[in-house]
């Protein structure tokens, strides 16, 4: 494990979400990656309908719909050094 990753309390890699719609699939989140260091404060901001609640649901593991959660096809991951919640 590299030093930078060891310092992160949470690492999100290639997370995505798609849902079916009338024309095929609607991409809500696509290839989201970021890290949060222990002790950091984070704000998630954006316009209405931009995917903020969807992102939080995936991070909290409340979204278990199985509807292409890993939009990139590579399998999105959320890793925590200790309990995320």
N, C-alpha and C. Protein backbone atom coordinates (compact mmCIF):
# COMPACT_ATOMS: atom_id res chain seq x y z
N UNK A 1 0.84 -1.18 0.00
CA UNK A 1 0.00 0.00 0.00
C UNK A 1 0.89 1.24 0.00
N UNK A 2 0.63 2.16 -0.92
CA UNK A 2 1.47 3.35 -0.97
C UNK A 2 1.15 4.31 0.17
N UNK A 3 2.07 5.22 0.45
CA UNK A 3 1.95 6.13 1.59
C UNK A 3 0.73 7.03 1.47
N UNK A 4 0.45 7.57 0.28
CA UNK A 4 -0.69 8.47 0.12
C UNK A 4 -1.99 7.74 0.42
N UNK A 5 -2.17 6.55 -0.10
CA UNK A 5 -3.39 5.80 0.15
C UNK A 5 -3.53 5.46 1.63
N UNK A 6 -2.44 5.18 2.31
CA UNK A 6 -2.49 4.84 3.73
C UNK A 6 -2.99 6.01 4.56
N UNK A 7 -2.79 7.25 4.11
CA UNK A 7 -3.19 8.44 4.86
C UNK A 7 -4.67 8.77 4.65
N UNK A 8 -5.33 8.18 3.66
CA UNK A 8 -6.71 8.49 3.35
C UNK A 8 -7.66 7.68 4.22
N UNK A 9 -8.69 8.38 4.74
CA UNK A 9 -9.72 7.69 5.51
C UNK A 9 -10.69 7.01 4.56
N UNK A 10 -10.88 7.58 3.36
CA UNK A 10 -11.79 7.01 2.37
C UNK A 10 -11.21 7.21 0.98
N UNK A 11 -11.26 6.17 0.19
CA UNK A 11 -10.84 6.25 -1.21
C UNK A 11 -11.97 5.71 -2.06
N UNK A 12 -12.40 6.48 -3.04
CA UNK A 12 -13.45 6.09 -3.98
C UNK A 12 -12.80 5.98 -5.35
N UNK A 13 -13.00 4.84 -6.00
CA UNK A 13 -12.38 4.63 -7.31
C UNK A 13 -13.41 4.19 -8.33
N UNK A 14 -13.53 4.96 -9.40
CA UNK A 14 -14.33 4.63 -10.58
C UNK A 14 -15.77 4.27 -10.26
N UNK A 15 -16.37 5.01 -9.36
CA UNK A 15 -17.75 4.76 -8.96
C UNK A 15 -18.70 5.37 -9.99
N UNK A 16 -19.78 4.69 -10.28
CA UNK A 16 -20.75 5.19 -11.24
C UNK A 16 -22.13 4.64 -10.96
N UNK A 17 -23.12 5.22 -11.63
CA UNK A 17 -24.49 4.77 -11.48
C UNK A 17 -25.26 5.07 -12.76
N UNK A 18 -25.93 4.06 -13.27
CA UNK A 18 -26.82 4.22 -14.41
C UNK A 18 -28.16 3.58 -14.06
N UNK A 19 -29.23 4.16 -14.60
CA UNK A 19 -30.57 3.61 -14.42
C UNK A 19 -31.24 3.53 -15.78
N UNK A 20 -32.14 2.56 -15.95
CA UNK A 20 -32.83 2.47 -17.24
C UNK A 20 -33.79 3.64 -17.43
N UNK A 21 -33.90 4.11 -18.68
CA UNK A 21 -34.91 5.10 -19.02
C UNK A 21 -35.48 4.73 -20.38
N UNK A 22 -36.36 5.54 -20.89
CA UNK A 22 -37.07 5.21 -22.13
C UNK A 22 -36.12 5.01 -23.31
N UNK A 23 -35.00 5.70 -23.33
CA UNK A 23 -34.08 5.61 -24.45
C UNK A 23 -32.92 4.64 -24.24
N UNK A 24 -32.91 3.91 -23.15
CA UNK A 24 -31.80 2.99 -22.86
C UNK A 24 -31.35 3.14 -21.43
N UNK A 25 -30.21 3.78 -21.24
CA UNK A 25 -29.65 3.99 -19.90
C UNK A 25 -29.35 5.45 -19.67
N UNK A 26 -29.68 5.94 -18.48
CA UNK A 26 -29.39 7.31 -18.07
C UNK A 26 -28.21 7.25 -17.11
N UNK A 27 -27.13 7.95 -17.44
CA UNK A 27 -25.96 7.99 -16.57
C UNK A 27 -26.14 9.10 -15.55
N UNK A 28 -26.13 8.72 -14.27
CA UNK A 28 -26.27 9.70 -13.19
C UNK A 28 -24.89 10.10 -12.68
N UNK A 29 -24.02 9.12 -12.47
CA UNK A 29 -22.63 9.35 -12.07
C UNK A 29 -21.75 8.51 -12.97
N UNK A 30 -20.59 9.05 -13.36
CA UNK A 30 -19.72 8.32 -14.28
C UNK A 30 -18.26 8.49 -13.87
N UNK A 31 -17.63 7.39 -13.49
CA UNK A 31 -16.20 7.35 -13.25
C UNK A 31 -15.74 8.36 -12.19
N UNK A 32 -16.41 8.34 -11.03
CA UNK A 32 -16.09 9.26 -9.94
C UNK A 32 -14.96 8.66 -9.09
N UNK A 33 -13.90 9.42 -8.89
CA UNK A 33 -12.78 8.98 -8.05
C UNK A 33 -12.31 10.15 -7.18
N UNK A 34 -12.09 9.87 -5.91
CA UNK A 34 -11.54 10.87 -5.01
C UNK A 34 -11.09 10.20 -3.72
N UNK A 35 -10.32 10.93 -2.93
CA UNK A 35 -9.86 10.47 -1.62
C UNK A 35 -10.15 11.55 -0.59
N UNK A 36 -10.40 11.11 0.63
CA UNK A 36 -10.62 12.03 1.75
C UNK A 36 -9.66 11.63 2.87
N UNK A 37 -8.86 12.57 3.32
CA UNK A 37 -7.92 12.30 4.40
C UNK A 37 -8.64 12.30 5.74
N UNK A 38 -8.11 11.55 6.68
CA UNK A 38 -8.67 11.53 8.03
C UNK A 38 -8.69 12.95 8.59
N UNK A 39 -9.82 13.35 9.17
CA UNK A 39 -9.96 14.67 9.76
C UNK A 39 -10.44 15.75 8.81
N UNK A 40 -10.47 15.47 7.50
CA UNK A 40 -10.94 16.46 6.53
C UNK A 40 -12.45 16.64 6.62
N UNK A 41 -12.91 17.83 6.26
CA UNK A 41 -14.33 18.12 6.12
C UNK A 41 -14.61 18.24 4.63
N UNK A 42 -15.69 17.61 4.18
CA UNK A 42 -16.01 17.58 2.75
C UNK A 42 -17.43 18.09 2.56
N UNK A 43 -17.64 18.88 1.51
CA UNK A 43 -18.97 19.33 1.12
C UNK A 43 -19.25 18.82 -0.29
N UNK A 44 -20.43 18.31 -0.50
CA UNK A 44 -20.85 17.87 -1.83
C UNK A 44 -21.90 18.88 -2.29
N UNK A 45 -21.58 19.62 -3.34
CA UNK A 45 -22.46 20.68 -3.83
C UNK A 45 -22.74 20.47 -5.31
N UNK A 46 -23.87 20.97 -5.75
CA UNK A 46 -24.22 20.87 -7.17
C UNK A 46 -25.68 21.25 -7.35
N UNK A 47 -26.05 21.38 -8.60
CA UNK A 47 -27.43 21.74 -8.94
C UNK A 47 -28.39 20.61 -8.60
N UNK A 48 -29.64 20.95 -8.49
CA UNK A 48 -30.68 19.95 -8.26
C UNK A 48 -30.63 18.90 -9.37
N UNK A 49 -30.65 17.63 -8.98
CA UNK A 49 -30.62 16.55 -9.97
C UNK A 49 -29.25 16.18 -10.47
N UNK A 50 -28.20 16.70 -9.85
CA UNK A 50 -26.84 16.44 -10.36
C UNK A 50 -26.22 15.16 -9.81
N UNK A 51 -26.89 14.48 -8.85
CA UNK A 51 -26.39 13.21 -8.36
C UNK A 51 -25.81 13.22 -6.96
N UNK A 52 -26.00 14.32 -6.22
CA UNK A 52 -25.45 14.42 -4.86
C UNK A 52 -26.00 13.32 -3.95
N UNK A 53 -27.31 13.17 -3.91
CA UNK A 53 -27.93 12.15 -3.05
C UNK A 53 -27.60 10.75 -3.53
N UNK A 54 -27.49 10.56 -4.82
CA UNK A 54 -27.11 9.25 -5.36
C UNK A 54 -25.70 8.90 -4.91
N UNK A 55 -24.77 9.85 -4.98
CA UNK A 55 -23.41 9.61 -4.53
C UNK A 55 -23.38 9.24 -3.05
N UNK A 56 -24.10 10.00 -2.22
CA UNK A 56 -24.12 9.71 -0.79
C UNK A 56 -24.74 8.35 -0.51
N UNK A 57 -25.78 7.98 -1.26
CA UNK A 57 -26.39 6.67 -1.10
C UNK A 57 -25.43 5.54 -1.43
N UNK A 58 -24.64 5.71 -2.50
CA UNK A 58 -23.65 4.70 -2.85
C UNK A 58 -22.55 4.62 -1.79
N UNK A 59 -22.11 5.77 -1.29
CA UNK A 59 -21.06 5.78 -0.27
C UNK A 59 -21.54 5.13 1.03
N UNK A 60 -22.81 5.32 1.35
CA UNK A 60 -23.36 4.75 2.58
C UNK A 60 -23.80 3.31 2.39
N UNK A 61 -23.62 2.78 1.17
CA UNK A 61 -24.03 1.41 0.82
C UNK A 61 -25.53 1.23 0.99
N UNK A 62 -26.29 2.32 0.88
CA UNK A 62 -27.75 2.22 0.93
C UNK A 62 -28.31 1.89 -0.44
N UNK A 63 -27.56 2.19 -1.49
CA UNK A 63 -28.01 1.92 -2.85
C UNK A 63 -27.49 0.56 -3.26
N UNK A 64 -28.33 -0.44 -3.18
CA UNK A 64 -27.95 -1.80 -3.54
C UNK A 64 -28.82 -2.31 -4.67
N UNK A 65 -29.22 -1.38 -5.55
CA UNK A 65 -30.17 -1.71 -6.60
C UNK A 65 -29.60 -2.66 -7.65
N UNK A 66 -28.29 -2.68 -7.81
CA UNK A 66 -27.69 -3.55 -8.81
C UNK A 66 -27.90 -3.07 -10.22
N UNK A 67 -28.41 -1.86 -10.41
CA UNK A 67 -28.67 -1.34 -11.75
C UNK A 67 -27.43 -0.65 -12.29
N UNK A 68 -26.47 -1.45 -12.70
CA UNK A 68 -25.23 -0.91 -13.25
C UNK A 68 -24.57 0.08 -12.31
N UNK A 69 -24.39 -0.31 -11.06
CA UNK A 69 -23.75 0.58 -10.08
C UNK A 69 -22.36 0.99 -10.52
N UNK A 70 -21.67 0.11 -11.22
CA UNK A 70 -20.35 0.46 -11.74
C UNK A 70 -20.51 0.78 -13.22
N UNK A 71 -20.81 2.03 -13.51
CA UNK A 71 -21.13 2.44 -14.88
C UNK A 71 -19.96 2.23 -15.83
N UNK A 72 -18.75 2.24 -15.30
CA UNK A 72 -17.58 2.10 -16.15
C UNK A 72 -17.34 0.65 -16.55
N UNK A 73 -18.02 -0.28 -15.91
CA UNK A 73 -17.82 -1.69 -16.22
C UNK A 73 -16.61 -2.28 -15.53
N UNK A 74 -15.87 -1.47 -14.77
CA UNK A 74 -14.67 -1.96 -14.12
C UNK A 74 -14.90 -2.28 -12.65
N UNK A 75 -16.08 -1.99 -12.15
CA UNK A 75 -16.37 -2.25 -10.75
C UNK A 75 -15.91 -1.13 -9.85
N UNK A 76 -16.79 -0.20 -9.53
CA UNK A 76 -16.43 0.89 -8.64
C UNK A 76 -16.17 0.38 -7.24
N UNK A 77 -15.33 1.08 -6.50
CA UNK A 77 -14.98 0.65 -5.14
C UNK A 77 -14.97 1.83 -4.18
N UNK A 78 -15.42 1.56 -2.97
CA UNK A 78 -15.29 2.51 -1.87
C UNK A 78 -14.53 1.78 -0.78
N UNK A 79 -13.40 2.33 -0.37
CA UNK A 79 -12.57 1.71 0.68
C UNK A 79 -12.37 2.68 1.82
N UNK A 80 -12.45 2.15 3.04
CA UNK A 80 -12.25 2.97 4.23
C UNK A 80 -11.18 2.33 5.09
N UNK A 81 -10.39 3.16 5.74
CA UNK A 81 -9.37 2.64 6.67
C UNK A 81 -10.03 2.04 7.89
N UNK A 82 -11.09 2.67 8.38
CA UNK A 82 -11.88 2.12 9.48
C UNK A 82 -13.34 2.25 9.04
N UNK A 83 -14.27 2.15 9.94
CA UNK A 83 -15.68 2.25 9.57
C UNK A 83 -15.95 3.58 8.89
N UNK A 84 -16.63 3.55 7.75
CA UNK A 84 -16.96 4.77 7.01
C UNK A 84 -18.03 5.58 7.73
N UNK A 85 -18.90 4.92 8.42
CA UNK A 85 -20.01 5.64 9.06
C UNK A 85 -19.66 6.06 10.45
